[in-house]
């Protein structure tokens, strides 16, 4: 029989405030009580799984130049392939492919691995925080549908010669999800929450600006800003519709603890998920009609 693994040690979320020593109170007034706020959370298993899947696909491709090219030709997103040839699957497969580690001559170009490394690093840093509070299902929905929104916007607005790969659209959807969460809970998070919101905005602006500069300058590997923008839009819409909204209630048994209760459970918001998916399909249908 295998022993159960030890419980995972995790960093506390900013909402989970630990008690601090009470400050001195003026004479004649009772000292202020310090309380702990607890909110439900889960282990970020989906985040870990996505990182493993993306990394494994990249390593498999790295074993053979021919295999790498075949996978790219089969799975990269392209407006002609999707809108004219009807290869809709590319909208999904492109989210799990990244820049090739090979140069055009079959030699290794290790610097190209930065595409995967950057996306997985941001997914790890942000995804862990978001999944813990959103739950596995809600996190997975925002990642997948947000990423698909990025793929759809990319094929609709990119030229026929553009082939796009990468998890960036989905990662930006998760960044947008955290931003909406911070906005909705800004009173609870205070100064720390505002600082996090500013950091997310700065990161998004810098990345989009680098994409514009690189594309204008004619860089060898260009950034698909349409996919990034689509991911941001998808993440904002989805999180505003289905994201958790915590209100604070007093613990029924412990007066020194507060509980965060989600008043926007996912089970009541599946209609919003369906509506978003239908909207993506209608955009594709309209784009194919004019392709």
Protein backbone atom coordinates (compact mmCIF):
# COMPACT_ATOMS: atom_id res chain seq x y z
CA UNK A 1 0.00 0.00 0.00
CA UNK A 2 1.31 3.41 -0.88
CA UNK A 3 1.38 6.11 1.70
CA UNK A 4 -0.56 9.30 1.01
CA UNK A 5 1.70 12.21 0.02
CA UNK A 6 2.30 14.85 2.67
CA UNK A 7 0.04 17.89 2.45
CA UNK A 8 1.27 20.62 0.13
CA UNK A 9 2.77 23.67 1.77
CA UNK A 10 1.54 26.79 0.08
CA UNK A 11 1.91 30.52 0.41
CA UNK A 12 -1.13 32.18 1.99
CA UNK A 13 -3.22 34.32 -0.30
CA UNK A 14 -3.46 38.03 0.58
CA UNK A 15 -7.07 37.51 1.66
CA UNK A 16 -5.96 35.01 4.28
CA UNK A 17 -4.70 37.56 6.74
CA UNK A 18 -2.99 36.27 9.85
CA UNK A 19 -3.54 37.93 13.21
CA UNK A 20 -1.08 40.62 14.21
CA UNK A 21 -0.42 41.97 17.70
CA UNK A 22 -3.06 44.53 18.67
CA UNK A 23 -2.02 48.16 18.66
CA UNK A 24 -2.31 50.18 21.88
CA UNK A 25 -5.72 51.77 22.26
CA UNK A 26 -6.53 55.08 23.94
CA UNK A 27 -7.49 54.97 27.58
CA UNK A 28 -11.11 54.19 28.15
CA UNK A 29 -11.56 52.36 24.84
CA UNK A 30 -11.44 48.56 24.43
CA UNK A 31 -8.56 47.21 22.30
CA UNK A 32 -9.38 46.37 18.70
CA UNK A 33 -9.71 42.65 17.99
CA UNK A 34 -7.61 41.03 15.27
CA UNK A 35 -9.32 38.43 13.13
CA UNK A 36 -8.28 35.92 10.47
CA UNK A 37 -10.09 35.74 7.14
CA UNK A 38 -10.29 32.26 5.62
CA UNK A 39 -11.43 31.49 2.11
CA UNK A 40 -11.87 28.13 0.36
CA UNK A 41 -9.02 27.04 -1.89
CA UNK A 42 -7.87 24.03 -3.91
CA UNK A 43 -4.53 22.64 -5.02
CA UNK A 44 -3.58 24.04 -8.46
CA UNK A 45 -3.59 20.65 -10.19
CA UNK A 46 -4.88 21.98 -13.53
CA UNK A 47 -2.07 24.54 -13.65
CA UNK A 48 0.53 21.84 -13.05
CA UNK A 49 -1.06 19.57 -15.66
CA UNK A 50 -1.08 22.31 -18.30
CA UNK A 51 2.59 23.08 -17.67
CA UNK A 52 3.50 19.40 -17.96
CA UNK A 53 1.47 18.90 -21.17
CA UNK A 54 2.95 21.96 -22.90
CA UNK A 55 6.48 21.02 -21.85
CA UNK A 56 6.14 17.38 -22.92
CA UNK A 57 4.85 18.35 -26.36
CA UNK A 58 7.80 20.72 -26.77
CA UNK A 59 10.31 18.03 -25.72
CA UNK A 60 8.79 15.44 -28.06
CA UNK A 61 9.06 17.87 -30.96
CA UNK A 62 12.68 18.59 -30.00
CA UNK A 63 13.67 14.97 -30.72
CA UNK A 64 13.33 15.30 -34.49
CA UNK A 65 13.37 18.19 -36.94
CA UNK A 66 11.04 16.36 -39.35
CA UNK A 67 8.60 15.46 -36.58
CA UNK A 68 8.69 19.03 -35.35
CA UNK A 69 7.81 20.39 -38.79
CA UNK A 70 5.01 17.86 -39.27
CA UNK A 71 3.42 18.79 -35.94
CA UNK A 72 3.68 22.50 -36.68
CA UNK A 73 2.19 22.12 -40.15
CA UNK A 74 -0.65 20.04 -38.71
CA UNK A 75 -1.49 22.09 -35.61
CA UNK A 76 -0.50 25.74 -36.08
CA UNK A 77 -3.36 28.22 -36.38
CA UNK A 78 -3.80 29.90 -39.76
CA UNK A 79 -6.71 31.90 -41.18
CA UNK A 80 -6.83 30.07 -44.51
CA UNK A 81 -6.63 26.64 -42.91
CA UNK A 82 -9.34 27.45 -40.37
CA UNK A 83 -11.73 29.71 -42.27
CA UNK A 84 -11.39 28.31 -45.80
CA UNK A 85 -10.42 24.67 -45.26
CA UNK A 86 -12.55 24.27 -42.14
CA UNK A 87 -9.71 22.92 -39.93
CA UNK A 88 -11.28 24.24 -36.74
CA UNK A 89 -9.20 21.95 -34.55
CA UNK A 90 -6.21 24.25 -35.12
CA UNK A 91 -7.77 26.83 -32.81
CA UNK A 92 -7.18 24.39 -29.95
CA UNK A 93 -3.99 22.59 -31.00
CA UNK A 94 -2.16 25.89 -31.54
CA UNK A 95 -2.62 26.63 -27.83
CA UNK A 96 -0.34 23.69 -26.95
CA UNK A 97 2.41 24.38 -29.48
CA UNK A 98 5.25 26.86 -29.17
CA UNK A 99 8.09 28.21 -31.29
CA UNK A 100 10.26 25.46 -32.75
CA UNK A 101 13.60 24.78 -31.06
CA UNK A 102 15.05 24.18 -34.54
CA UNK A 103 16.25 26.79 -37.00
CA UNK A 104 15.20 26.56 -40.69
CA UNK A 105 18.28 24.44 -41.45
CA UNK A 106 17.55 21.76 -38.85
CA UNK A 107 20.03 22.93 -36.23
CA UNK A 108 19.08 23.79 -32.68
CA UNK A 109 18.10 27.38 -31.86
CA UNK A 110 17.91 27.19 -28.07
CA UNK A 111 16.83 30.81 -27.75
CA UNK A 112 13.49 29.84 -29.29
CA UNK A 113 12.68 27.90 -26.12
CA UNK A 114 12.16 31.26 -24.38
CA UNK A 115 8.67 31.32 -25.91
CA UNK A 116 7.69 28.23 -23.93
CA UNK A 117 9.65 29.22 -20.83
CA UNK A 118 8.06 32.65 -20.57
CA UNK A 119 4.51 31.35 -21.06
CA UNK A 120 4.92 28.54 -18.55
CA UNK A 121 6.59 30.83 -16.00
CA UNK A 122 3.72 33.32 -16.13
CA UNK A 123 1.19 30.47 -16.03
CA UNK A 124 2.91 29.07 -12.95
CA UNK A 125 3.11 32.39 -11.08
CA UNK A 126 -0.40 33.61 -11.89
CA UNK A 127 -2.19 30.32 -12.52
CA UNK A 128 -1.45 28.94 -9.06
CA UNK A 129 -3.04 31.97 -7.40
CA UNK A 130 -6.07 32.03 -9.68
CA UNK A 131 -6.83 28.30 -9.60
CA UNK A 132 -6.59 28.13 -5.80
CA UNK A 133 -9.42 30.65 -5.47
CA UNK A 134 -11.42 29.92 -8.63
CA UNK A 135 -11.41 26.13 -8.38
CA UNK A 136 -10.39 23.58 -11.02
CA UNK A 137 -13.45 23.82 -13.25
CA UNK A 138 -13.74 27.59 -13.32
CA UNK A 139 -10.02 27.97 -13.93
CA UNK A 140 -10.07 25.40 -16.74
CA UNK A 141 -13.04 27.07 -18.44
CA UNK A 142 -11.40 30.49 -18.42
CA UNK A 143 -8.08 29.07 -19.66
CA UNK A 144 -9.58 27.07 -22.51
CA UNK A 145 -12.32 29.44 -23.67
CA UNK A 146 -10.11 32.48 -23.14
CA UNK A 147 -7.39 30.81 -25.20
CA UNK A 148 -9.90 29.93 -27.91
CA UNK A 149 -11.06 33.54 -27.96
CA UNK A 150 -7.46 34.52 -28.66
CA UNK A 151 -7.21 31.95 -31.45
CA UNK A 152 -10.47 33.11 -33.01
CA UNK A 153 -9.49 36.78 -32.99
CA UNK A 154 -6.11 35.84 -34.45
CA UNK A 155 -7.50 33.91 -37.44
CA UNK A 156 -10.15 36.56 -38.09
CA UNK A 157 -7.77 39.53 -38.10
CA UNK A 158 -4.42 38.02 -39.19
CA UNK A 159 -3.27 37.67 -42.78
CA UNK A 160 -3.32 34.36 -44.71
CA UNK A 161 0.46 34.00 -44.45
CA UNK A 162 0.48 34.13 -40.62
CA UNK A 163 0.88 30.90 -38.67
CA UNK A 164 0.34 31.29 -34.94
CA UNK A 165 1.26 29.02 -32.03
CA UNK A 166 1.52 29.43 -28.28
CA UNK A 167 -0.39 29.41 -25.01
CA UNK A 168 -0.13 33.20 -24.75
CA UNK A 169 -3.83 33.84 -25.42
CA UNK A 170 -4.86 31.44 -22.65
CA UNK A 171 -2.21 32.81 -20.28
CA UNK A 172 -3.42 36.35 -20.90
CA UNK A 173 -6.96 35.16 -20.14
CA UNK A 174 -5.71 34.03 -16.72
CA UNK A 175 -3.96 37.38 -16.20
CA UNK A 176 -7.25 39.10 -16.99
CA UNK A 177 -9.05 36.76 -14.59
CA UNK A 178 -6.78 37.78 -11.74
CA UNK A 179 -7.25 41.45 -12.63
CA UNK A 180 -11.05 41.16 -12.46
CA UNK A 181 -10.78 39.28 -9.16
CA UNK A 182 -8.60 42.03 -7.69
CA UNK A 183 -11.02 44.72 -8.89
CA UNK A 184 -14.02 42.95 -7.40
CA UNK A 185 -12.23 42.45 -4.05
CA UNK A 186 -10.28 45.71 -3.94
CA UNK A 187 -11.84 46.76 -0.62
CA UNK A 188 -10.68 43.57 1.05
CA UNK A 189 -7.21 43.57 -0.51
CA UNK A 190 -6.49 47.26 -0.01
CA UNK A 191 -3.09 48.62 -0.98
CA UNK A 192 -1.67 45.20 -1.83
CA UNK A 193 -4.49 44.52 -4.26
CA UNK A 194 -4.04 47.86 -5.99
CA UNK A 195 -0.31 47.18 -6.39
CA UNK A 196 -1.06 43.81 -7.98
CA UNK A 197 -3.56 45.39 -10.38
CA UNK A 198 -0.99 47.96 -11.47
CA UNK A 199 1.60 45.23 -12.04
CA UNK A 200 -0.80 43.25 -14.23
CA UNK A 201 -1.68 46.30 -16.32
CA UNK A 202 1.99 47.20 -16.77
CA UNK A 203 2.85 43.63 -17.80
CA UNK A 204 0.05 43.52 -20.38
CA UNK A 205 0.93 46.94 -21.82
CA UNK A 206 4.64 46.10 -22.09
CA UNK A 207 3.96 42.78 -23.81
CA UNK A 208 1.53 44.31 -26.31
CA UNK A 209 3.94 47.18 -26.99
CA UNK A 210 6.82 44.76 -27.61
CA UNK A 211 4.62 42.87 -30.03
CA UNK A 212 3.80 46.00 -32.00
CA UNK A 213 7.45 47.11 -32.08
CA UNK A 214 8.68 43.67 -33.13
CA UNK A 215 6.09 43.36 -35.88
CA UNK A 216 6.78 46.84 -37.25
CA UNK A 217 10.53 46.24 -37.16
CA UNK A 218 10.14 42.98 -39.06
CA UNK A 219 11.52 40.63 -36.41
CA UNK A 220 12.16 37.04 -37.49
CA UNK A 221 9.70 35.68 -34.88
CA UNK A 222 6.74 38.01 -34.47
CA UNK A 223 4.28 38.22 -31.60
CA UNK A 224 0.61 37.53 -32.25
CA UNK A 225 -0.95 40.51 -30.49
CA UNK A 226 -4.41 39.59 -31.77
CA UNK A 227 -4.25 36.32 -29.82
CA UNK A 228 -3.07 38.19 -26.71
CA UNK A 229 -5.86 40.76 -27.04
CA UNK A 230 -8.46 38.06 -27.63
CA UNK A 231 -7.27 36.22 -24.53
CA UNK A 232 -7.51 39.38 -22.45
CA UNK A 233 -11.03 40.13 -23.69
CA UNK A 234 -12.14 36.54 -23.15
CA UNK A 235 -10.67 36.42 -19.66
CA UNK A 236 -12.30 39.70 -18.66
CA UNK A 237 -15.75 38.69 -19.93
CA UNK A 238 -15.66 35.17 -18.52
CA UNK A 239 -14.36 36.16 -15.11
CA UNK A 240 -16.86 38.97 -14.78
CA UNK A 241 -19.59 36.43 -15.52
CA UNK A 242 -18.45 33.31 -13.65
CA UNK A 243 -15.60 34.37 -11.34
CA UNK A 244 -15.95 33.89 -7.57
CA UNK A 245 -17.22 36.84 -5.54
CA UNK A 246 -16.44 36.48 -1.87
CA UNK A 247 -18.32 38.24 0.91
CA UNK A 248 -17.17 38.15 4.51
CA UNK A 249 -19.20 36.48 7.21
CA UNK A 250 -18.46 35.90 10.89
CA UNK A 251 -17.44 32.33 11.73
CA UNK A 252 -20.35 30.70 13.57
CA UNK A 253 -18.10 29.02 16.15
CA UNK A 254 -14.98 31.22 16.35
CA UNK A 255 -15.56 34.95 16.87
CA UNK A 256 -11.94 35.72 15.92
CA UNK A 257 -12.32 34.28 12.41
CA UNK A 258 -14.11 35.48 9.31
CA UNK A 259 -15.18 33.24 6.43
CA UNK A 260 -15.16 34.17 2.74
CA UNK A 261 -18.37 32.92 1.13
CA UNK A 262 -18.67 32.73 -2.68
CA UNK A 263 -21.98 34.29 -3.73
CA UNK A 264 -21.43 33.56 -7.44
CA UNK A 265 -21.16 29.75 -7.62
CA UNK A 266 -20.33 28.25 -10.99
CA UNK A 267 -23.38 25.97 -10.98
CA UNK A 268 -25.56 29.05 -11.40
CA UNK A 269 -23.50 30.51 -14.27
CA UNK A 270 -23.19 27.73 -16.83
CA UNK A 271 -25.59 29.66 -19.05
CA UNK A 272 -22.93 32.40 -19.33
CA UNK A 273 -20.30 29.84 -20.35
CA UNK A 274 -22.64 28.46 -23.03
CA UNK A 275 -23.43 31.96 -24.28
CA UNK A 276 -19.73 32.78 -24.60
CA UNK A 277 -19.04 29.57 -26.52
CA UNK A 278 -21.96 30.25 -28.87
CA UNK A 279 -20.65 33.78 -29.48
CA UNK A 280 -17.27 32.37 -30.53
CA UNK A 281 -18.96 29.97 -32.93
CA UNK A 282 -21.05 32.74 -34.46
CA UNK A 283 -17.93 34.85 -35.00
CA UNK A 284 -16.30 31.93 -36.79
CA UNK A 285 -19.35 31.29 -38.94
CA UNK A 286 -19.51 34.96 -39.94
CA UNK A 287 -15.77 35.05 -40.67
CA UNK A 288 -15.97 31.91 -42.84
CA UNK A 289 -18.83 33.45 -44.82
CA UNK A 290 -16.63 36.39 -45.78
CA UNK A 291 -13.33 34.50 -46.13
